[in-house]
Amino acid sequence: MELADGATISFTMTAFTPAEQRKTRLFGTHGYIDGDGARLRLVDFRTGEDTTMDVAASPSADHSDGDAALVSAFVSAVATGDPSWLRSDVTTSLAGHRVVWAAEQARRNGTVVTLGS
C-alpha cells in the first residue's frame, strides 16, 4: 500500500498455519510493528530503536476465539449502552475493512485501487 504522504506498507496474509496464535506483522518503509495480541514491538530501521509495549486486550475483545468474542462484545455494548465494550468505533472499523476489500479487489483484478477519505 502507498499512503497519501508517499510512505509504503507491505501486507501479506497467511491462513491455516499450524497451531499458532494470531500474529500481526506490519513492515513499512522505515520500520515494522510485530504484535501477538498481548504485546507490540516497534522497530525503527533508521534509528535502530526497538520498543515493546503491553497491549493485552480484555477477554471480551480478544480475537483469538474469532467471531464469538466480537459478537459478544457488540451485544454487551448494545445491551448496556456502553461503547467501551468495543475496541473501535464504526468509522475506524469501516476504514480498516475498506483497506482489506480494496486489497482483495486489487489482487483479483490485478489493478491498483485508490481509496478516498
PDB file of N, CA and C in Angstrom:
ATOM      1  N   MET A   1       0.850  -1.176   0.000  1.00  0.00           N
ATOM      2  CA  MET A   1       0.000   0.000   0.000  1.00  0.00           C
ATOM      3  C   MET A   1       0.887   1.226   0.000  1.00  0.00           C
ATOM      4  N   GLU A   2       0.421   2.244  -0.657  1.00  0.00           N
ATOM      5  CA  GLU A   2       1.100   3.528  -0.594  1.00  0.00           C
ATOM      6  C   GLU A   2       0.154   4.526   0.055  1.00  0.00           C
ATOM      7  N   LEU A   3       0.621   5.182   1.092  1.00  0.00           N
ATOM      8  CA  LEU A   3      -0.186   6.156   1.811  1.00  0.00           C
ATOM      9  C   LEU A   3      -0.094   7.515   1.127  1.00  0.00           C
ATOM     10  N   ALA A   4      -0.976   8.413   1.513  1.00  0.00           N
ATOM     11  CA  ALA A   4      -1.052   9.728   0.881  1.00  0.00           C
ATOM     12  C   ALA A   4       0.264  10.487   0.954  1.00  0.00           C
ATOM     13  N   ASP A   5       1.053  10.270   2.012  1.00  0.00           N
ATOM     14  CA  ASP A   5       2.317  11.005   2.155  1.00  0.00           C
ATOM     15  C   ASP A   5       3.487  10.315   1.459  1.00  0.00           C
ATOM     16  N   GLY A   6       3.203   9.221   0.718  1.00  0.00           N
ATOM     17  CA  GLY A   6       4.250   8.518  -0.013  1.00  0.00           C
ATOM     18  C   GLY A   6       4.842   7.333   0.732  1.00  0.00           C
ATOM     19  N   ALA A   7       4.539   7.199   2.014  1.00  0.00           N
ATOM     20  CA  ALA A   7       5.025   6.042   2.771  1.00  0.00           C
ATOM     21  C   ALA A   7       4.386   4.784   2.199  1.00  0.00           C
ATOM     22  N   THR A   8       5.112   3.688   2.260  1.00  0.00           N
ATOM     23  CA  THR A   8       4.580   2.439   1.726  1.00  0.00           C
ATOM     24  C   THR A   8       4.448   1.404   2.832  1.00  0.00           C
ATOM     25  N   ILE A   9       3.487   0.496   2.636  1.00  0.00           N
ATOM     26  CA  ILE A   9       3.236  -0.588   3.571  1.00  0.00           C
ATOM     27  C   ILE A   9       3.111  -1.865   2.759  1.00  0.00           C
ATOM     28  N   SER A  10       3.737  -2.932   3.217  1.00  0.00           N
ATOM     29  CA  SER A  10       3.613  -4.233   2.581  1.00  0.00           C
ATOM     30  C   SER A  10       2.758  -5.114   3.485  1.00  0.00           C
ATOM     31  N   PHE A  11       1.784  -5.835   2.913  1.00  0.00           N
ATOM     32  CA  PHE A  11       0.868  -6.650   3.707  1.00  0.00           C
ATOM     33  C   PHE A  11       0.782  -8.044   3.097  1.00  0.00           C
ATOM     34  N   THR A  12       0.996  -9.050   3.910  1.00  0.00           N
ATOM     35  CA  THR A  12       0.814 -10.437   3.495  1.00  0.00           C
ATOM     36  C   THR A  12      -0.055 -11.114   4.532  1.00  0.00           C
ATOM     37  N   MET A  13      -1.085 -11.824   4.069  1.00  0.00           N
ATOM     38  CA  MET A  13      -1.944 -12.545   4.995  1.00  0.00           C
ATOM     39  C   MET A  13      -1.793 -14.031   4.713  1.00  0.00           C
ATOM     40  N   THR A  14      -1.556 -14.796   5.773  1.00  0.00           N
ATOM     41  CA  THR A  14      -1.398 -16.232   5.643  1.00  0.00           C
ATOM     42  C   THR A  14      -2.398 -16.903   6.566  1.00  0.00           C
ATOM     43  N   ALA A  15      -3.122 -17.856   6.038  1.00  0.00           N
ATOM     44  CA  ALA A  15      -4.104 -18.576   6.849  1.00  0.00           C
ATOM     45  C   ALA A  15      -3.679 -20.033   6.984  1.00  0.00           C
ATOM     46  N   PHE A  16      -4.307 -20.701   7.917  1.00  0.00           N
ATOM     47  CA  PHE A  16      -4.161 -22.145   8.091  1.00  0.00           C
ATOM     48  C   PHE A  16      -2.741 -22.555   8.485  1.00  0.00           C
ATOM     49  N   THR A  17      -2.080 -21.723   9.278  1.00  0.00           N
ATOM     50  CA  THR A  17      -0.764 -22.090   9.778  1.00  0.00           C
ATOM     51  C   THR A  17      -0.929 -23.037  10.961  1.00  0.00           C
ATOM     52  N   PRO A  18       0.057 -23.868  11.213  1.00  0.00           N
ATOM     53  CA  PRO A  18      -0.094 -24.864  12.278  1.00  0.00           C
ATOM     54  C   PRO A  18      -0.073 -24.261  13.675  1.00  0.00           C
ATOM     55  N   ALA A  19      -1.153 -24.469  14.415  1.00  0.00           N
ATOM     56  CA  ALA A  19      -1.281 -24.212  15.845  1.00  0.00           C
ATOM     57  C   ALA A  19      -0.508 -23.016  16.383  1.00  0.00           C
ATOM     58  N   GLU A  20      -0.672 -21.873  15.794  1.00  0.00           N
ATOM     59  CA  GLU A  20      -0.074 -20.656  16.327  1.00  0.00           C
ATOM     60  C   GLU A  20      -1.172 -19.658  16.626  1.00  0.00           C
ATOM     61  N   GLN A  21      -0.888 -18.780  17.570  1.00  0.00           N
ATOM     62  CA  GLN A  21      -1.803 -17.680  17.855  1.00  0.00           C
ATOM     63  C   GLN A  21      -1.748 -16.683  16.703  1.00  0.00           C
ATOM     64  N   ARG A  22      -2.747 -15.857  16.645  1.00  0.00           N
ATOM     65  CA  ARG A  22      -2.785 -14.804  15.632  1.00  0.00           C
ATOM     66  C   ARG A  22      -1.603 -13.869  15.841  1.00  0.00           C
ATOM     67  N   LYS A  23      -0.937 -13.546  14.758  1.00  0.00           N
ATOM     68  CA  LYS A  23       0.179 -12.611  14.805  1.00  0.00           C
ATOM     69  C   LYS A  23      -0.023 -11.559  13.732  1.00  0.00           C
ATOM     70  N   THR A  24       0.414 -10.373  14.039  1.00  0.00           N
ATOM     71  CA  THR A  24       0.343  -9.283  13.072  1.00  0.00           C
ATOM     72  C   THR A  24       1.740  -8.725  12.907  1.00  0.00           C
ATOM     73  N   ARG A  25       2.160  -8.604  11.669  1.00  0.00           N
ATOM     74  CA  ARG A  25       3.454  -8.004  11.367  1.00  0.00           C
ATOM     75  C   ARG A  25       3.258  -7.006  10.249  1.00  0.00           C
ATOM     76  N   LEU A  26       3.522  -5.766  10.561  1.00  0.00           N
ATOM     77  CA  LEU A  26       3.418  -4.693   9.575  1.00  0.00           C
ATOM     78  C   LEU A  26       4.813  -4.167   9.289  1.00  0.00           C
ATOM     79  N   PHE A  27       5.242  -4.277   8.030  1.00  0.00           N
ATOM     80  CA  PHE A  27       6.551  -3.798   7.630  1.00  0.00           C
ATOM     81  C   PHE A  27       6.364  -2.543   6.797  1.00  0.00           C
ATOM     82  N   GLY A  28       6.967  -1.455   7.209  1.00  0.00           N
ATOM     83  CA  GLY A  28       6.872  -0.201   6.483  1.00  0.00           C
ATOM     84  C   GLY A  28       8.214   0.223   5.936  1.00  0.00           C
ATOM     85  N   THR A  29       8.244   1.375   5.322  1.00  0.00           N
ATOM     86  CA  THR A  29       9.455   1.905   4.722  1.00  0.00           C
ATOM     87  C   THR A  29      10.550   2.121   5.760  1.00  0.00           C
ATOM     88  N   HIS A  30      10.171   2.577   6.938  1.00  0.00           N
ATOM     89  CA  HIS A  30      11.154   2.942   7.963  1.00  0.00           C
ATOM     90  C   HIS A  30      11.172   2.029   9.176  1.00  0.00           C
ATOM     91  N   GLY A  31      10.379   0.961   9.161  1.00  0.00           N
ATOM     92  CA  GLY A  31      10.384   0.085  10.315  1.00  0.00           C
ATOM     93  C   GLY A  31       9.260  -0.921  10.252  1.00  0.00           C
ATOM     94  N   TYR A  32       9.050  -1.587  11.373  1.00  0.00           N
ATOM     95  CA  TYR A  32       7.962  -2.556  11.411  1.00  0.00           C
ATOM     96  C   TYR A  32       7.348  -2.632  12.797  1.00  0.00           C
ATOM     97  N   ILE A  33       6.133  -3.191  12.827  1.00  0.00           N
ATOM     98  CA  ILE A  33       5.398  -3.453  14.059  1.00  0.00           C
ATOM     99  C   ILE A  33       5.087  -4.944  14.062  1.00  0.00           C
ATOM    100  N   ASP A  34       5.355  -5.598  15.182  1.00  0.00           N
ATOM    101  CA  ASP A  34       5.118  -7.022  15.330  1.00  0.00           C
ATOM    102  C   ASP A  34       4.241  -7.202  16.562  1.00  0.00           C
ATOM    103  N   GLY A  35       3.081  -7.821  16.415  1.00  0.00           N
ATOM    104  CA  GLY A  35       2.172  -7.970  17.546  1.00  0.00           C
ATOM    105  C   GLY A  35       1.617  -9.369  17.664  1.00  0.00           C
ATOM    106  N   ASP A  36       1.305  -9.763  18.908  1.00  0.00           N
ATOM    107  CA  ASP A  36       0.722 -11.086  19.154  1.00  0.00           C
ATOM    108  C   ASP A  36      -0.564 -11.009  19.978  1.00  0.00           C
ATOM    109  N   GLY A  37      -1.137  -9.835  20.108  1.00  0.00           N
ATOM    110  CA  GLY A  37      -2.357  -9.664  20.887  1.00  0.00           C
ATOM    111  C   GLY A  37      -2.089  -9.268  22.325  1.00  0.00           C
ATOM    112  N   ALA A  38      -0.887  -9.518  22.797  1.00  0.00           N
ATOM    113  CA  ALA A  38      -0.515  -9.140  24.162  1.00  0.00           C
ATOM    114  C   ALA A  38       0.546  -8.041  24.162  1.00  0.00           C
ATOM    115  N   ARG A  39       1.407  -8.070  23.151  1.00  0.00           N
ATOM    116  CA  ARG A  39       2.495  -7.095  23.067  1.00  0.00           C
ATOM    117  C   ARG A  39       2.656  -6.597  21.639  1.00  0.00           C
ATOM    118  N   LEU A  40       3.092  -5.359  21.514  1.00  0.00           N
ATOM    119  CA  LEU A  40       3.501  -4.795  20.231  1.00  0.00           C
ATOM    120  C   LEU A  40       4.982  -4.466  20.315  1.00  0.00           C
ATOM    121  N   ARG A  41       5.709  -4.831  19.293  1.00  0.00           N
ATOM    122  CA  ARG A  41       7.120  -4.478  19.193  1.00  0.00           C
ATOM    123  C   ARG A  41       7.257  -3.541  18.001  1.00  0.00           C
ATOM    124  N   LEU A  42       7.807  -2.353  18.240  1.00  0.00           N
ATOM    125  CA  LEU A  42       8.018  -1.365  17.192  1.00  0.00           C
ATOM    126  C   LEU A  42       9.512  -1.230  16.960  1.00  0.00           C
ATOM    127  N   VAL A  43       9.940  -1.397  15.717  1.00  0.00           N
ATOM    128  CA  VAL A  43      11.356  -1.290  15.373  1.00  0.00           C
ATOM    129  C   VAL A  43      11.503  -0.234  14.289  1.00  0.00           C
ATOM    130  N   ASP A  44      12.378   0.740  14.538  1.00  0.00           N
ATOM    131  CA  ASP A  44      12.662   1.814  13.590  1.00  0.00           C
ATOM    132  C   ASP A  44      13.962   1.467  12.857  1.00  0.00           C
ATOM    133  N   PHE A  45      13.892   1.219  11.539  1.00  0.00           N
ATOM    134  CA  PHE A  45      15.066   0.855  10.758  1.00  0.00           C
ATOM    135  C   PHE A  45      16.115   1.966  10.757  1.00  0.00           C
ATOM    136  N   ARG A  46      15.657   3.218  10.813  1.00  0.00           N
ATOM    137  CA  ARG A  46      16.573   4.349  10.699  1.00  0.00           C
ATOM    138  C   ARG A  46      17.400   4.546  11.958  1.00  0.00           C
ATOM    139  N   THR A  47      16.780   4.414  13.117  1.00  0.00           N
ATOM    140  CA  THR A  47      17.473   4.705  14.369  1.00  0.00           C
ATOM    141  C   THR A  47      17.905   3.443  15.121  1.00  0.00           C
ATOM    142  N   GLY A  48      17.310   2.305  14.754  1.00  0.00           N
ATOM    143  CA  GLY A  48      17.587   1.074  15.474  1.00  0.00           C
ATOM    144  C   GLY A  48      16.787   0.949  16.759  1.00  0.00           C
ATOM    145  N   GLU A  49      15.963   1.970  17.051  1.00  0.00           N
ATOM    146  CA  GLU A  49      15.158   1.936  18.274  1.00  0.00           C
ATOM    147  C   GLU A  49      14.204   0.740  18.218  1.00  0.00           C
ATOM    148  N   ASP A  50      14.122   0.018  19.320  1.00  0.00           N
ATOM    149  CA  ASP A  50      13.306  -1.182  19.428  1.00  0.00           C
ATOM    150  C   ASP A  50      12.486  -1.053  20.711  1.00  0.00           C
ATOM    151  N   THR A  51      11.182  -0.871  20.579  1.00  0.00           N
ATOM    152  CA  THR A  51      10.315  -0.627  21.715  1.00  0.00           C
ATOM    153  C   THR A  51       9.249  -1.709  21.789  1.00  0.00           C
ATOM    154  N   THR A  52       9.017  -2.232  22.981  1.00  0.00           N
ATOM    155  CA  THR A  52       7.958  -3.214  23.189  1.00  0.00           C
ATOM    156  C   THR A  52       6.974  -2.651  24.203  1.00  0.00           C
ATOM    157  N   MET A  53       5.678  -2.802  23.913  1.00  0.00           N
ATOM    158  CA  MET A  53       4.662  -2.329  24.848  1.00  0.00           C
ATOM    159  C   MET A  53       3.590  -3.386  25.036  1.00  0.00           C
ATOM    160  N   ASP A  54       3.078  -3.482  26.248  1.00  0.00           N
ATOM    161  CA  ASP A  54       1.986  -4.399  26.547  1.00  0.00           C
ATOM    162  C   ASP A  54       0.681  -3.783  26.082  1.00  0.00           C
ATOM    163  N   VAL A  55      -0.114  -4.563  25.362  1.00  0.00           N
ATOM    164  CA  VAL A  55      -1.402  -4.087  24.855  1.00  0.00           C
ATOM    165  C   VAL A  55      -2.489  -5.139  25.054  1.00  0.00           C
ATOM    166  N   ALA A  56      -2.284  -6.032  25.994  1.00  0.00           N
ATOM    167  CA  ALA A  56      -3.214  -7.147  26.203  1.00  0.00           C
ATOM    168  C   ALA A  56      -4.639  -6.641  26.294  1.00  0.00           C
ATOM    169  N   ALA A  57      -5.495  -7.266  25.533  1.00  0.00           N
ATOM    170  CA  ALA A  57      -6.906  -6.893  25.491  1.00  0.00           C
ATOM    171  C   ALA A  57      -7.685  -7.683  26.533  1.00  0.00           C
ATOM    172  N   SER A  58      -8.825  -7.158  26.895  1.00  0.00           N
ATOM    173  CA  SER A  58      -9.706  -7.916  27.783  1.00  0.00           C
ATOM    174  C   SER A  58     -10.228  -9.133  27.020  1.00  0.00           C
ATOM    175  N   PRO A  59     -10.597 -10.199  27.704  1.00  0.00           N
ATOM    176  CA  PRO A  59     -11.077 -11.401  27.015  1.00  0.00           C
ATOM    177  C   PRO A  59     -12.242 -11.113  26.073  1.00  0.00           C
ATOM    178  N   SER A  60     -13.083 -10.145  26.395  1.00  0.00           N
ATOM    179  CA  SER A  60     -14.233  -9.870  25.525  1.00  0.00           C
ATOM    180  C   SER A  60     -13.819  -9.230  24.218  1.00  0.00           C
ATOM    181  N   ALA A  61     -12.601  -8.683  24.153  1.00  0.00           N
ATOM    182  CA  ALA A  61     -12.155  -8.037  22.927  1.00  0.00           C
ATOM    183  C   ALA A  61     -11.099  -8.854  22.197  1.00  0.00           C
ATOM    184  N   ASP A  62     -10.709  -9.985  22.749  1.00  0.00           N
ATOM    185  CA  ASP A  62      -9.679 -10.819  22.154  1.00  0.00           C
ATOM    186  C   ASP A  62     -10.200 -11.430  20.860  1.00  0.00           C
ATOM    187  N   HIS A  63      -9.349 -11.471  19.840  1.00  0.00           N
ATOM    188  CA  HIS A  63      -9.779 -12.001  18.545  1.00  0.00           C
ATOM    189  C   HIS A  63      -9.352 -13.460  18.363  1.00  0.00           C
ATOM    190  N   SER A  64      -8.691 -14.037  19.384  1.00  0.00           N
ATOM    191  CA  SER A  64      -8.202 -15.403  19.233  1.00  0.00           C
ATOM    192  C   SER A  64      -9.338 -16.413  19.126  1.00  0.00           C
ATOM    193  N   ASP A  65     -10.502 -16.093  19.679  1.00  0.00           N
ATOM    194  CA  ASP A  65     -11.627 -17.007  19.511  1.00  0.00           C
ATOM    195  C   ASP A  65     -12.609 -16.473  18.475  1.00  0.00           C
ATOM    196  N   GLY A  66     -12.143 -15.546  17.670  1.00  0.00           N
ATOM    197  CA  GLY A  66     -12.853 -15.098  16.486  1.00  0.00           C
ATOM    198  C   GLY A  66     -14.174 -14.407  16.720  1.00  0.00           C
ATOM    199  N   ASP A  67     -15.114 -14.751  15.884  1.00  0.00           N
ATOM    200  CA  ASP A  67     -16.377 -14.044  15.824  1.00  0.00           C
ATOM    201  C   ASP A  67     -17.189 -14.091  17.102  1.00  0.00           C
ATOM    202  N   ALA A  68     -17.103 -15.175  17.857  1.00  0.00           N
ATOM    203  CA  ALA A  68     -17.911 -15.290  19.076  1.00  0.00           C
ATOM    204  C   ALA A  68     -17.609 -14.160  20.047  1.00  0.00           C
ATOM    205  N   ALA A  69     -16.327 -13.845  20.247  1.00  0.00           N
ATOM    206  CA  ALA A  69     -15.955 -12.762  21.166  1.00  0.00           C
ATOM    207  C   ALA A  69     -16.365 -11.403  20.612  1.00  0.00           C
ATOM    208  N   LEU A  70     -16.251 -11.214  19.288  1.00  0.00           N
ATOM    209  CA  LEU A  70     -16.648  -9.938  18.685  1.00  0.00           C
ATOM    210  C   LEU A  70     -18.154  -9.713  18.824  1.00  0.00           C
ATOM    211  N   VAL A  71     -18.937 -10.750  18.552  1.00  0.00           N
ATOM    212  CA  VAL A  71     -20.391 -10.645  18.670  1.00  0.00           C
ATOM    213  C   VAL A  71     -20.781 -10.423  20.129  1.00  0.00           C
ATOM    214  N   SER A  72     -20.144 -11.128  21.046  1.00  0.00           N
ATOM    215  CA  SER A  72     -20.435 -10.962  22.469  1.00  0.00           C
ATOM    216  C   SER A  72     -20.166  -9.529  22.930  1.00  0.00           C
ATOM    217  N   ALA A  73     -19.041  -8.969  22.510  1.00  0.00           N
ATOM    218  CA  ALA A  73     -18.712  -7.591  22.881  1.00  0.00           C
ATOM    219  C   ALA A  73     -19.724  -6.614  22.294  1.00  0.00           C
ATOM    220  N   PHE A  74     -20.130  -6.837  21.039  1.00  0.00           N
ATOM    221  CA  PHE A  74     -21.112  -5.966  20.396  1.00  0.00           C
ATOM    222  C   PHE A  74     -22.452  -6.034  21.135  1.00  0.00           C
ATOM    223  N   VAL A  75     -22.910  -7.247  21.442  1.00  0.00           N
ATOM    224  CA  VAL A  75     -24.187  -7.411  22.148  1.00  0.00           C
ATOM    225  C   VAL A  75     -24.114  -6.750  23.524  1.00  0.00           C
ATOM    226  N   SER A  76     -23.001  -6.904  24.217  1.00  0.00           N
ATOM    227  CA  SER A  76     -22.838  -6.267  25.533  1.00  0.00           C
ATOM    228  C   SER A  76     -22.884  -4.751  25.416  1.00  0.00           C
ATOM    229  N   ALA A  77     -22.242  -4.206  24.390  1.00  0.00           N
ATOM    230  CA  ALA A  77     -22.248  -2.750  24.188  1.00  0.00           C
ATOM    231  C   ALA A  77     -23.662  -2.243  23.926  1.00  0.00           C
ATOM    232  N   VAL A  78     -24.408  -2.961  23.094  1.00  0.00           N
ATOM    233  CA  VAL A  78     -25.786  -2.556  22.788  1.00  0.00           C
ATOM    234  C   VAL A  78     -26.682  -2.719  24.020  1.00  0.00           C
ATOM    235  N   ALA A  79     -26.552  -3.845  24.713  1.00  0.00           N
ATOM    236  CA  ALA A  79     -27.411  -4.139  25.868  1.00  0.00           C
ATOM    237  C   ALA A  79     -27.189  -3.155  27.007  1.00  0.00           C
ATOM    238  N   THR A  80     -25.955  -2.733  27.201  1.00  0.00           N
ATOM    239  CA  THR A  80     -25.649  -1.840  28.325  1.00  0.00           C
ATOM    240  C   THR A  80     -25.578  -0.378  27.921  1.00  0.00           C
ATOM    241  N   GLY A  81     -25.546  -0.114  26.606  1.00  0.00           N
ATOM    242  CA  GLY A  81     -25.377   1.267  26.139  1.00  0.00           C
ATOM    243  C   GLY A  81     -23.968   1.781  26.416  1.00  0.00           C
ATOM    244  N   ASP A  82     -23.025   0.850  26.634  1.00  0.00           N
ATOM    245  CA  ASP A  82     -21.650   1.213  26.994  1.00  0.00           C
ATOM    246  C   ASP A  82     -20.704   0.877  25.844  1.00  0.00           C
ATOM    247  N   PRO A  83     -20.265   1.891  25.074  1.00  0.00           N
ATOM    248  CA  PRO A  83     -19.390   1.628  23.930  1.00  0.00           C
ATOM    249  C   PRO A  83     -17.984   1.175  24.315  1.00  0.00           C
ATOM    250  N   SER A  84     -17.631   1.206  25.593  1.00  0.00           N
ATOM    251  CA  SER A  84     -16.287   0.780  25.987  1.00  0.00           C
ATOM    252  C   SER A  84     -16.077  -0.717  25.758  1.00  0.00           C
ATOM    253  N   TRP A  85     -17.148  -1.466  25.518  1.00  0.00           N
ATOM    254  CA  TRP A  85     -17.025  -2.881  25.177  1.00  0.00           C
ATOM    255  C   TRP A  85     -16.375  -3.066  23.812  1.00  0.00           C
ATOM    256  N   LEU A  86     -16.444  -2.034  22.987  1.00  0.00           N
ATOM    257  CA  LEU A  86     -15.958  -2.122  21.613  1.00  0.00           C
ATOM    258  C   LEU A  86     -14.536  -1.595  21.514  1.00  0.00           C
ATOM    259  N   ARG A  87     -13.728  -2.242  20.695  1.00  0.00           N
ATOM    260  CA  ARG A  87     -12.335  -1.843  20.523  1.00  0.00           C
ATOM    261  C   ARG A  87     -12.189  -0.644  19.595  1.00  0.00           C
ATOM    262  N   SER A  88     -13.151  -0.414  18.724  1.00  0.00           N
ATOM    263  CA  SER A  88     -13.069   0.726  17.812  1.00  0.00           C
ATOM    264  C   SER A  88     -14.474   1.198  17.479  1.00  0.00           C
ATOM    265  N   ASP A  89     -14.543   2.438  17.022  1.00  0.00           N
ATOM    266  CA  ASP A  89     -15.845   2.950  16.613  1.00  0.00           C
ATOM    267  C   ASP A  89     -16.131   2.504  15.174  1.00  0.00           C
ATOM    268  N   VAL A  90     -17.344   2.734  14.718  1.00  0.00           N
ATOM    269  CA  VAL A  90     -17.761   2.252  13.409  1.00  0.00           C
ATOM    270  C   VAL A  90     -16.922   2.865  12.288  1.00  0.00           C
ATOM    271  N   THR A  91     -16.526   4.111  12.406  1.00  0.00           N
ATOM    272  CA  THR A  91     -15.724   4.764  11.363  1.00  0.00           C
ATOM    273  C   THR A  91     -14.356   4.100  11.234  1.00  0.00           C
ATOM    274  N   THR A  92     -13.718   3.832  12.362  1.00  0.00           N
ATOM    275  CA  THR A  92     -12.404   3.181  12.351  1.00  0.00           C
ATOM    276  C   THR A  92     -12.505   1.758  11.814  1.00  0.00           C
ATOM    277  N   SER A  93     -13.514   1.021  12.259  1.00  0.00           N
ATOM    278  CA  SER A  93     -13.698  -0.351  11.789  1.00  0.00           C
ATOM    279  C   SER A  93     -13.961  -0.393  10.290  1.00  0.00           C
ATOM    280  N   LEU A  94     -14.794   0.503   9.802  1.00  0.00           N
ATOM    281  CA  LEU A  94     -15.091   0.547   8.377  1.00  0.00           C
ATOM    282  C   LEU A  94     -13.844   0.903   7.573  1.00  0.00           C
ATOM    283  N   ALA A  95     -13.041   1.829   8.062  1.00  0.00           N
ATOM    284  CA  ALA A  95     -11.813   2.213   7.354  1.00  0.00           C
ATOM    285  C   ALA A  95     -10.886   1.014   7.196  1.00  0.00           C
ATOM    286  N   GLY A  96     -10.732   0.224   8.245  1.00  0.00           N
ATOM    287  CA  GLY A  96      -9.892  -0.969   8.164  1.00  0.00           C
ATOM    288  C   GLY A  96     -10.436  -1.985   7.177  1.00  0.00           C
ATOM    289  N   HIS A  97     -11.738  -2.178   7.185  1.00  0.00           N
ATOM    290  CA  HIS A  97     -12.356  -3.116   6.247  1.00  0.00           C
ATOM    291  C   HIS A  97     -12.220  -2.631   4.805  1.00  0.00           C
ATOM    292  N   ARG A  98     -12.340  -1.338   4.591  1.00  0.00           N
ATOM    293  CA  ARG A  98     -12.207  -0.799   3.228  1.00  0.00           C
ATOM    294  C   ARG A  98     -10.824  -1.096   2.653  1.00  0.00           C
ATOM    295  N   VAL A  99      -9.792  -1.009   3.494  1.00  0.00           N
ATOM    296  CA  VAL A  99      -8.432  -1.315   3.034  1.00  0.00           C
ATOM    297  C   VAL A  99      -8.344  -2.778   2.596  1.00  0.00           C
ATOM    298  N   VAL A 100      -8.908  -3.683   3.402  1.00  0.00           N
ATOM    299  CA  VAL A 100      -8.857  -5.106   3.070  1.00  0.00           C
ATOM    300  C   VAL A 100      -9.660  -5.396   1.804  1.00  0.00           C
ATOM    301  N   TRP A 101     -10.834  -4.800   1.684  1.00  0.00           N
ATOM    302  CA  TRP A 101     -11.648  -5.019   0.476  1.00  0.00           C
ATOM    303  C   TRP A 101     -10.927  -4.495  -0.766  1.00  0.00           C
ATOM    304  N   ALA A 102     -10.280  -3.344  -0.639  1.00  0.00           N
ATOM    305  CA  ALA A 102      -9.532  -2.784  -1.771  1.00  0.00           C
ATOM    306  C   ALA A 102      -8.356  -3.684  -2.138  1.00  0.00           C
ATOM    307  N   ALA A 103      -7.668  -4.222  -1.138  1.00  0.00           N
ATOM    308  CA  ALA A 103      -6.551  -5.130  -1.408  1.00  0.00           C
ATOM    309  C   ALA A 103      -7.033  -6.379  -2.142  1.00  0.00           C
ATOM    310  N   GLU A 104      -8.162  -6.916  -1.727  1.00  0.00           N
ATOM    311  CA  GLU A 104      -8.709  -8.100  -2.397  1.00  0.00           C
ATOM    312  C   GLU A 104      -9.133  -7.766  -3.824  1.00  0.00           C
ATOM    313  N   GLN A 105      -9.736  -6.610  -4.030  1.00  0.00           N
ATOM    314  CA  GLN A 105     -10.122  -6.188  -5.373  1.00  0.00           C
ATOM    315  C   GLN A 105      -8.881  -6.051  -6.254  1.00  0.00           C
ATOM    316  N   ALA A 106      -7.830  -5.446  -5.730  1.00  0.00           N
ATOM    317  CA  ALA A 106      -6.585  -5.284  -6.480  1.00  0.00           C
ATOM    318  C   ALA A 106      -5.973  -6.644  -6.820  1.00  0.00           C
ATOM    319  N   ARG A 107      -6.000  -7.561  -5.853  1.00  0.00           N
ATOM    320  CA  ARG A 107      -5.451  -8.905  -6.085  1.00  0.00           C
ATOM    321  C   ARG A 107      -6.217  -9.640  -7.169  1.00  0.00           C
ATOM    322  N   ARG A 108      -7.525  -9.608  -7.071  1.00  0.00           N
ATOM    323  CA  ARG A 108      -8.356 -10.341  -8.041  1.00  0.00           C
ATOM    324  C   ARG A 108      -8.268  -9.764  -9.443  1.00  0.00           C
ATOM    325  N   ASN A 109      -8.206  -8.426  -9.535  1.00  0.00           N
ATOM    326  CA  ASN A 109      -8.252  -7.774 -10.834  1.00  0.00           C
ATOM    327  C   ASN A 109      -6.887  -7.372 -11.373  1.00  0.00           C
ATOM    328  N   GLY A 110      -5.842  -7.531 -10.553  1.00  0.00           N
ATOM    329  CA  GLY A 110      -4.507  -7.131 -10.989  1.00  0.00           C
ATOM    330  C   GLY A 110      -4.404  -5.637 -11.228  1.00  0.00           C
ATOM    331  N   THR A 111      -5.110  -4.864 -10.402  1.00  0.00           N
ATOM    332  CA  THR A 111      -5.144  -3.413 -10.590  1.00  0.00           C
ATOM    333  C   THR A 111      -4.728  -2.708  -9.304  1.00  0.00           C
ATOM    334  N   VAL A 112      -4.564  -1.415  -9.406  1.00  0.00           N
ATOM    335  CA  VAL A 112      -4.334  -0.574  -8.246  1.00  0.00           C
ATOM    336  C   VAL A 112      -5.667   0.048  -7.862  1.00  0.00           C
ATOM    337  N   VAL A 113      -6.006   0.016  -6.588  1.00  0.00           N
ATOM    338  CA  VAL A 113      -7.254   0.599  -6.103  1.00  0.00           C
ATOM    339  C   VAL A 113      -6.904   1.791  -5.228  1.00  0.00           C
ATOM    340  N   THR A 114      -7.480   2.911  -5.535  1.00  0.00           N
ATOM    341  CA  THR A 114      -7.237   4.129  -4.748  1.00  0.00           C
ATOM    342  C   THR A 114      -8.433   4.387  -3.846  1.00  0.00           C
ATOM    343  N   LEU A 115      -8.164   4.564  -2.567  1.00  0.00           N
ATOM    344  CA  LEU A 115      -9.222   4.871  -1.608  1.00  0.00           C
ATOM    345  C   LEU A 115      -9.209   6.356  -1.287  1.00  0.00           C
ATOM    346  N   GLY A 116     -10.371   6.963  -1.323  1.00  0.00           N
ATOM    347  CA  GLY A 116     -10.517   8.348  -0.876  1.00  0.00           C
ATOM    348  C   GLY A 116     -10.888   8.362   0.596  1.00  0.00           C
ATOM    349  N   SER A 117     -11.031   9.547   1.115  1.00  0.00           N
ATOM    350  CA  SER A 117     -11.385   9.649   2.549  1.00  0.00           C
ATOM    351  C   SER A 117     -12.843   9.380   2.786  1.00  0.00           C
TER     352      SER A 117
END
